[in-house]
Amino acid sequence: MIIKKIVLHHIRSYLDAEITFPLGTILLGGDIGSGKSTILLALDFALFGITKDLSGSALLRTGCDRGSVELEFEIDGKNVVIRRVLERNGTRVNQSSGSLMMDGRTRELTPVELRQEIITLFAYPQELLTKKSLIYRYTVYTPQEEMKSILLGEKEARVDILRKVFGIDKYK
């Protein structure tokens, strides 16, 4: 997957931002609170939507009733654009229908349908549609403290983390 661009509208500290990624390796750097983690969380949300670990209220900018993330990337020679939307409904923040544009065709899809399309596109196992999955967190980005435990932890603890991530811990 080659990430090309992400557009944030009312997502955490971002009012409206368009971030274009150059080809090659990317390093997000900046002071604490500058928005690095927001970019990674927005990528996670664009691909997989709201999850147990990533709530809509953690993403939608305080005081805003609606926000969105649009992600453009290339995979297997196909240009893909995903758009996901958050809406405040009283005290809750829910995800509403979004869209997937691929091969010049745009389709409006429910959050679950979008997740299904992404899992299929990435050739992830289908059971990830209903299970809590750590694959994205560990293959695309790993939170700092979790990376520290992988790099500096005891050998058996590191192996256990990798078993858990790839869903093979049941075969231990």
C-alpha atoms as a PDB file:
ATOM      1  CA  MET A   1       0.000   0.000   0.000  1.00  0.00           C
ATOM      2  CA  ILE A   2       1.267   3.453  -0.920  1.00  0.00           C
ATOM      3  CA  ILE A   3      -0.420   6.201   1.080  1.00  0.00           C
ATOM      4  CA  LYS A   4      -0.836   9.296  -1.076  1.00  0.00           C
ATOM      5  CA  LYS A   5      -2.973  11.736   0.874  1.00  0.00           C
ATOM      6  CA  ILE A   6      -5.171  12.154   3.917  1.00  0.00           C
ATOM      7  CA  VAL A   7      -7.756  14.897   4.388  1.00  0.00           C
ATOM      8  CA  LEU A   8      -8.968  15.662   7.917  1.00  0.00           C
ATOM      9  CA  HIS A   9     -12.042  17.748   8.690  1.00  0.00           C
ATOM     10  CA  HIS A  10     -12.746  18.435  12.387  1.00  0.00           C
ATOM     11  CA  ILE A  11     -10.581  15.557  13.591  1.00  0.00           C
ATOM     12  CA  ARG A  12      -8.999  16.189  17.007  1.00  0.00           C
ATOM     13  CA  SER A  13      -6.653  19.190  16.721  1.00  0.00           C
ATOM     14  CA  TYR A  14      -7.174  19.547  12.957  1.00  0.00           C
ATOM     15  CA  LEU A  15      -9.885  21.889  11.659  1.00  0.00           C
ATOM     16  CA  ASP A  16      -9.244  21.265   7.967  1.00  0.00           C
ATOM     17  CA  ALA A  17      -6.013  19.737   6.767  1.00  0.00           C
ATOM     18  CA  GLU A  18      -4.777  17.992   3.660  1.00  0.00           C
ATOM     19  CA  ILE A  19      -1.538  16.082   4.061  1.00  0.00           C
ATOM     20  CA  THR A  20       0.136  14.766   0.929  1.00  0.00           C
ATOM     21  CA  PHE A  21       2.720  12.042   1.460  1.00  0.00           C
ATOM     22  CA  PRO A  22       5.774  11.847  -0.802  1.00  0.00           C
ATOM     23  CA  LEU A  23       6.918   8.485  -2.127  1.00  0.00           C
ATOM     24  CA  GLY A  24       9.327   6.670   0.136  1.00  0.00           C
ATOM     25  CA  THR A  25       9.712   6.294   3.858  1.00  0.00           C
ATOM     26  CA  ILE A  26       7.865   8.834   5.997  1.00  0.00           C
ATOM     27  CA  LEU A  27       8.885  10.032   9.445  1.00  0.00           C
ATOM     28  CA  LEU A  28       6.346  12.021  11.415  1.00  0.00           C
ATOM     29  CA  GLY A  29       8.207  14.360  13.737  1.00  0.00           C
ATOM     30  CA  GLY A  30       7.198  17.224  15.944  1.00  0.00           C
ATOM     31  CA  ASP A  31       6.568  18.430  19.446  1.00  0.00           C
ATOM     32  CA  ILE A  32       4.156  16.732  21.815  1.00  0.00           C
ATOM     33  CA  GLY A  33       0.638  17.667  20.801  1.00  0.00           C
ATOM     34  CA  SER A  34       1.544  18.637  17.242  1.00  0.00           C
ATOM     35  CA  GLY A  35      -0.802  16.044  15.679  1.00  0.00           C
ATOM     36  CA  LYS A  36       1.430  13.067  14.807  1.00  0.00           C
ATOM     37  CA  SER A  37      -0.729  10.527  16.615  1.00  0.00           C
ATOM     38  CA  THR A  38      -3.870  12.092  15.160  1.00  0.00           C
ATOM     39  CA  ILE A  39      -2.627  11.321  11.664  1.00  0.00           C
ATOM     40  CA  LEU A  40      -2.024   7.683  12.601  1.00  0.00           C
ATOM     41  CA  LEU A  41      -5.411   7.380  14.338  1.00  0.00           C
ATOM     42  CA  ALA A  42      -7.104   8.968  11.322  1.00  0.00           C
ATOM     43  CA  LEU A  43      -5.437   6.384   9.057  1.00  0.00           C
ATOM     44  CA  ASP A  44      -6.698   3.631  11.349  1.00  0.00           C
ATOM     45  CA  PHE A  45     -10.213   5.120  11.314  1.00  0.00           C
ATOM     46  CA  ALA A  46     -10.232   5.579   7.523  1.00  0.00           C
ATOM     47  CA  LEU A  47      -9.336   1.939   6.990  1.00  0.00           C
ATOM     48  CA  PHE A  48     -11.287   0.178   9.720  1.00  0.00           C
ATOM     49  CA  GLY A  49     -13.743   2.670  11.209  1.00  0.00           C
ATOM     50  CA  ILE A  50     -14.674   2.957  14.845  1.00  0.00           C
ATOM     51  CA  THR A  51     -13.383   0.068  16.927  1.00  0.00           C
ATOM     52  CA  LYS A  52     -13.309  -0.905  20.577  1.00  0.00           C
ATOM     53  CA  ASP A  53      -9.920   0.821  20.869  1.00  0.00           C
ATOM     54  CA  LEU A  54     -10.781   3.853  18.721  1.00  0.00           C
ATOM     55  CA  SER A  55     -14.008   5.644  19.572  1.00  0.00           C
ATOM     56  CA  GLY A  56     -15.690   8.348  17.560  1.00  0.00           C
ATOM     57  CA  SER A  57     -15.614  10.723  20.521  1.00  0.00           C
ATOM     58  CA  ALA A  58     -11.815  10.329  20.688  1.00  0.00           C
ATOM     59  CA  LEU A  59     -11.565  11.481  17.059  1.00  0.00           C
ATOM     60  CA  LEU A  60     -14.234  14.148  16.548  1.00  0.00           C
ATOM     61  CA  ARG A  61     -12.990  17.618  17.421  1.00  0.00           C
ATOM     62  CA  THR A  62     -14.467  18.953  20.661  1.00  0.00           C
ATOM     63  CA  GLY A  63     -17.426  21.227  19.979  1.00  0.00           C
ATOM     64  CA  CYS A  64     -17.995  19.939  16.438  1.00  0.00           C
ATOM     65  CA  ASP A  65     -21.049  17.970  15.313  1.00  0.00           C
ATOM     66  CA  ARG A  66     -19.549  16.425  12.187  1.00  0.00           C
ATOM     67  CA  GLY A  67     -16.099  15.395  11.008  1.00  0.00           C
ATOM     68  CA  SER A  68     -14.555  13.266   8.300  1.00  0.00           C
ATOM     69  CA  VAL A  69     -11.414  11.526   7.143  1.00  0.00           C
ATOM     70  CA  GLU A  70     -10.607  10.875   3.509  1.00  0.00           C
ATOM     71  CA  LEU A  71      -7.694   8.608   2.657  1.00  0.00           C
ATOM     72  CA  GLU A  72      -6.207   8.146  -0.791  1.00  0.00           C
ATOM     73  CA  PHE A  73      -3.803   5.289  -1.402  1.00  0.00           C
ATOM     74  CA  GLU A  74      -2.635   2.871  -4.060  1.00  0.00           C
ATOM     75  CA  ILE A  75      -2.723  -0.892  -3.699  1.00  0.00           C
ATOM     76  CA  ASP A  76      -2.004  -3.475  -6.408  1.00  0.00           C
ATOM     77  CA  GLY A  77      -1.968  -0.724  -9.039  1.00  0.00           C
ATOM     78  CA  LYS A  78      -5.442   0.525  -8.043  1.00  0.00           C
ATOM     79  CA  ASN A  79      -6.072   4.047  -6.793  1.00  0.00           C
ATOM     80  CA  VAL A  80      -8.448   3.923  -3.812  1.00  0.00           C
ATOM     81  CA  VAL A  81     -10.169   6.742  -1.912  1.00  0.00           C
ATOM     82  CA  ILE A  82     -12.019   5.986   1.315  1.00  0.00           C
ATOM     83  CA  ARG A  83     -14.171   8.571   3.089  1.00  0.00           C
ATOM     84  CA  ARG A  84     -15.560   8.000   6.572  1.00  0.00           C
ATOM     85  CA  VAL A  85     -17.811  10.392   8.479  1.00  0.00           C
ATOM     86  CA  LEU A  86     -18.435  10.987  12.192  1.00  0.00           C
ATOM     87  CA  GLU A  87     -21.582  12.651  13.525  1.00  0.00           C
ATOM     88  CA  ARG A  88     -22.457  13.761  17.039  1.00  0.00           C
ATOM     89  CA  ASN A  89     -25.883  12.597  18.181  1.00  0.00           C
ATOM     90  CA  GLY A  90     -26.484  14.073  21.625  1.00  0.00           C
ATOM     91  CA  THR A  91     -23.653  12.818  23.816  1.00  0.00           C
ATOM     92  CA  ARG A  92     -22.607  10.011  21.454  1.00  0.00           C
ATOM     93  CA  VAL A  93     -20.453  10.158  18.349  1.00  0.00           C
ATOM     94  CA  ASN A  94     -21.413   7.656  15.674  1.00  0.00           C
ATOM     95  CA  GLN A  95     -20.018   6.726  12.332  1.00  0.00           C
ATOM     96  CA  SER A  96     -22.356   7.273   9.411  1.00  0.00           C
ATOM     97  CA  SER A  97     -22.201   5.900   5.877  1.00  0.00           C
ATOM     98  CA  GLY A  98     -19.056   6.593   3.912  1.00  0.00           C
ATOM     99  CA  SER A  99     -17.757   6.009   0.440  1.00  0.00           C
ATOM    100  CA  LEU A 100     -15.210   3.982  -1.444  1.00  0.00           C
ATOM    101  CA  MET A 101     -13.900   5.110  -4.805  1.00  0.00           C
ATOM    102  CA  MET A 102     -11.947   2.586  -6.827  1.00  0.00           C
ATOM    103  CA  ASP A 103     -11.366   2.308 -10.555  1.00  0.00           C
ATOM    104  CA  GLY A 104     -13.230   5.594 -11.060  1.00  0.00           C
ATOM    105  CA  ARG A 105     -16.406   4.242  -9.469  1.00  0.00           C
ATOM    106  CA  THR A 106     -17.747   5.635  -6.180  1.00  0.00           C
ATOM    107  CA  ARG A 107     -19.974   3.559  -3.920  1.00  0.00           C
ATOM    108  CA  GLU A 108     -21.768   4.663  -0.767  1.00  0.00           C
ATOM    109  CA  LEU A 109     -21.294   1.984   1.887  1.00  0.00           C
ATOM    110  CA  THR A 110     -22.167   1.362   5.512  1.00  0.00           C
ATOM    111  CA  PRO A 111     -19.280   1.305   8.019  1.00  0.00           C
ATOM    112  CA  VAL A 112     -19.354  -2.513   8.099  1.00  0.00           C
ATOM    113  CA  GLU A 113     -19.392  -2.755   4.296  1.00  0.00           C
ATOM    114  CA  LEU A 114     -16.417  -0.375   4.082  1.00  0.00           C
ATOM    115  CA  ARG A 115     -14.471  -2.474   6.580  1.00  0.00           C
ATOM    116  CA  GLN A 116     -15.306  -5.618   4.593  1.00  0.00           C
ATOM    117  CA  GLU A 117     -14.060  -4.040   1.359  1.00  0.00           C
ATOM    118  CA  ILE A 118     -10.770  -3.001   2.987  1.00  0.00           C
ATOM    119  CA  ILE A 119     -10.194  -6.429   4.542  1.00  0.00           C
ATOM    120  CA  THR A 120     -10.801  -8.010   1.137  1.00  0.00           C
ATOM    121  CA  LEU A 121      -8.595  -5.468  -0.650  1.00  0.00           C
ATOM    122  CA  PHE A 122      -5.708  -6.100   1.755  1.00  0.00           C
ATOM    123  CA  ALA A 123      -6.309  -9.875   1.650  1.00  0.00           C
ATOM    124  CA  TYR A 124      -6.631 -10.002   5.435  1.00  0.00           C
ATOM    125  CA  PRO A 125      -8.425 -13.064   6.839  1.00  0.00           C
ATOM    126  CA  GLN A 126     -12.224 -12.633   6.677  1.00  0.00           C
ATOM    127  CA  GLU A 127     -12.673 -13.407  10.383  1.00  0.00           C
ATOM    128  CA  LEU A 128     -11.134  -9.990  11.086  1.00  0.00           C
ATOM    129  CA  LEU A 129     -14.457  -8.420  10.135  1.00  0.00           C
ATOM    130  CA  THR A 130     -15.978  -9.476  13.441  1.00  0.00           C
ATOM    131  CA  LYS A 131     -12.911  -9.893  15.646  1.00  0.00           C
ATOM    132  CA  LYS A 132     -10.838  -7.249  17.331  1.00  0.00           C
ATOM    133  CA  SER A 133      -7.673  -7.224  15.261  1.00  0.00           C
ATOM    134  CA  LEU A 134      -4.227  -5.965  16.099  1.00  0.00           C
ATOM    135  CA  ILE A 135      -2.763  -6.557  12.631  1.00  0.00           C
ATOM    136  CA  TYR A 136      -3.125  -2.938  11.478  1.00  0.00           C
ATOM    137  CA  ARG A 137      -1.702  -1.554  14.704  1.00  0.00           C
ATOM    138  CA  TYR A 138       1.405  -3.682  14.428  1.00  0.00           C
ATOM    139  CA  THR A 139       1.927  -3.779  10.663  1.00  0.00           C
ATOM    140  CA  VAL A 140       1.225  -0.128   9.843  1.00  0.00           C
ATOM    141  CA  TYR A 141       2.064   1.612  13.068  1.00  0.00           C
ATOM    142  CA  THR A 142       2.838   0.527  16.586  1.00  0.00           C
ATOM    143  CA  PRO A 143       2.195   2.827  19.548  1.00  0.00           C
ATOM    144  CA  GLN A 144       5.445   3.816  21.256  1.00  0.00           C
ATOM    145  CA  GLU A 145       4.993   1.907  24.512  1.00  0.00           C
ATOM    146  CA  GLU A 146       3.981  -1.257  22.677  1.00  0.00           C
ATOM    147  CA  MET A 147       7.000  -0.989  20.363  1.00  0.00           C
ATOM    148  CA  LYS A 148       9.204  -0.591  23.421  1.00  0.00           C
ATOM    149  CA  SER A 149       7.872  -3.865  24.835  1.00  0.00           C
ATOM    150  CA  ILE A 150       8.537  -5.627  21.528  1.00  0.00           C
ATOM    151  CA  LEU A 151      12.095  -4.330  21.264  1.00  0.00           C
ATOM    152  CA  LEU A 152      13.172  -4.460  24.886  1.00  0.00           C
ATOM    153  CA  GLY A 153      10.984  -7.149  26.423  1.00  0.00           C
ATOM    154  CA  GLU A 154      11.930 -10.672  27.369  1.00  0.00           C
ATOM    155  CA  LYS A 155      12.179 -13.102  24.465  1.00  0.00           C
ATOM    156  CA  GLU A 156       9.047 -15.060  25.435  1.00  0.00           C
ATOM    157  CA  ALA A 157       7.025 -11.845  25.901  1.00  0.00           C
ATOM    158  CA  ARG A 158       8.054 -10.636  22.414  1.00  0.00           C
ATOM    159  CA  VAL A 159       7.078 -13.972  20.880  1.00  0.00           C
ATOM    160  CA  ASP A 160       3.714 -13.868  22.712  1.00  0.00           C
ATOM    161  CA  ILE A 161       2.983 -10.400  21.313  1.00  0.00           C
ATOM    162  CA  LEU A 162       3.711 -11.566  17.762  1.00  0.00           C
ATOM    163  CA  ARG A 163       1.560 -14.682  18.250  1.00  0.00           C
ATOM    164  CA  LYS A 164      -1.293 -12.487  19.453  1.00  0.00           C
ATOM    165  CA  VAL A 165      -0.940 -10.002  16.585  1.00  0.00           C
ATOM    166  CA  PHE A 166      -1.032 -12.663  13.892  1.00  0.00           C
ATOM    167  CA  GLY A 167      -3.716 -14.721  15.586  1.00  0.00           C
ATOM    168  CA  ILE A 168      -1.568 -17.778  16.162  1.00  0.00           C
ATOM    169  CA  ASP A 169      -1.522 -17.629  19.961  1.00  0.00           C
ATOM    170  CA  LYS A 170      -4.150 -20.388  20.045  1.00  0.00           C
ATOM    171  CA  TYR A 171      -1.543 -22.775  18.583  1.00  0.00           C
ATOM    172  CA  LYS A 172       1.046 -22.138  21.303  1.00  0.00           C
END
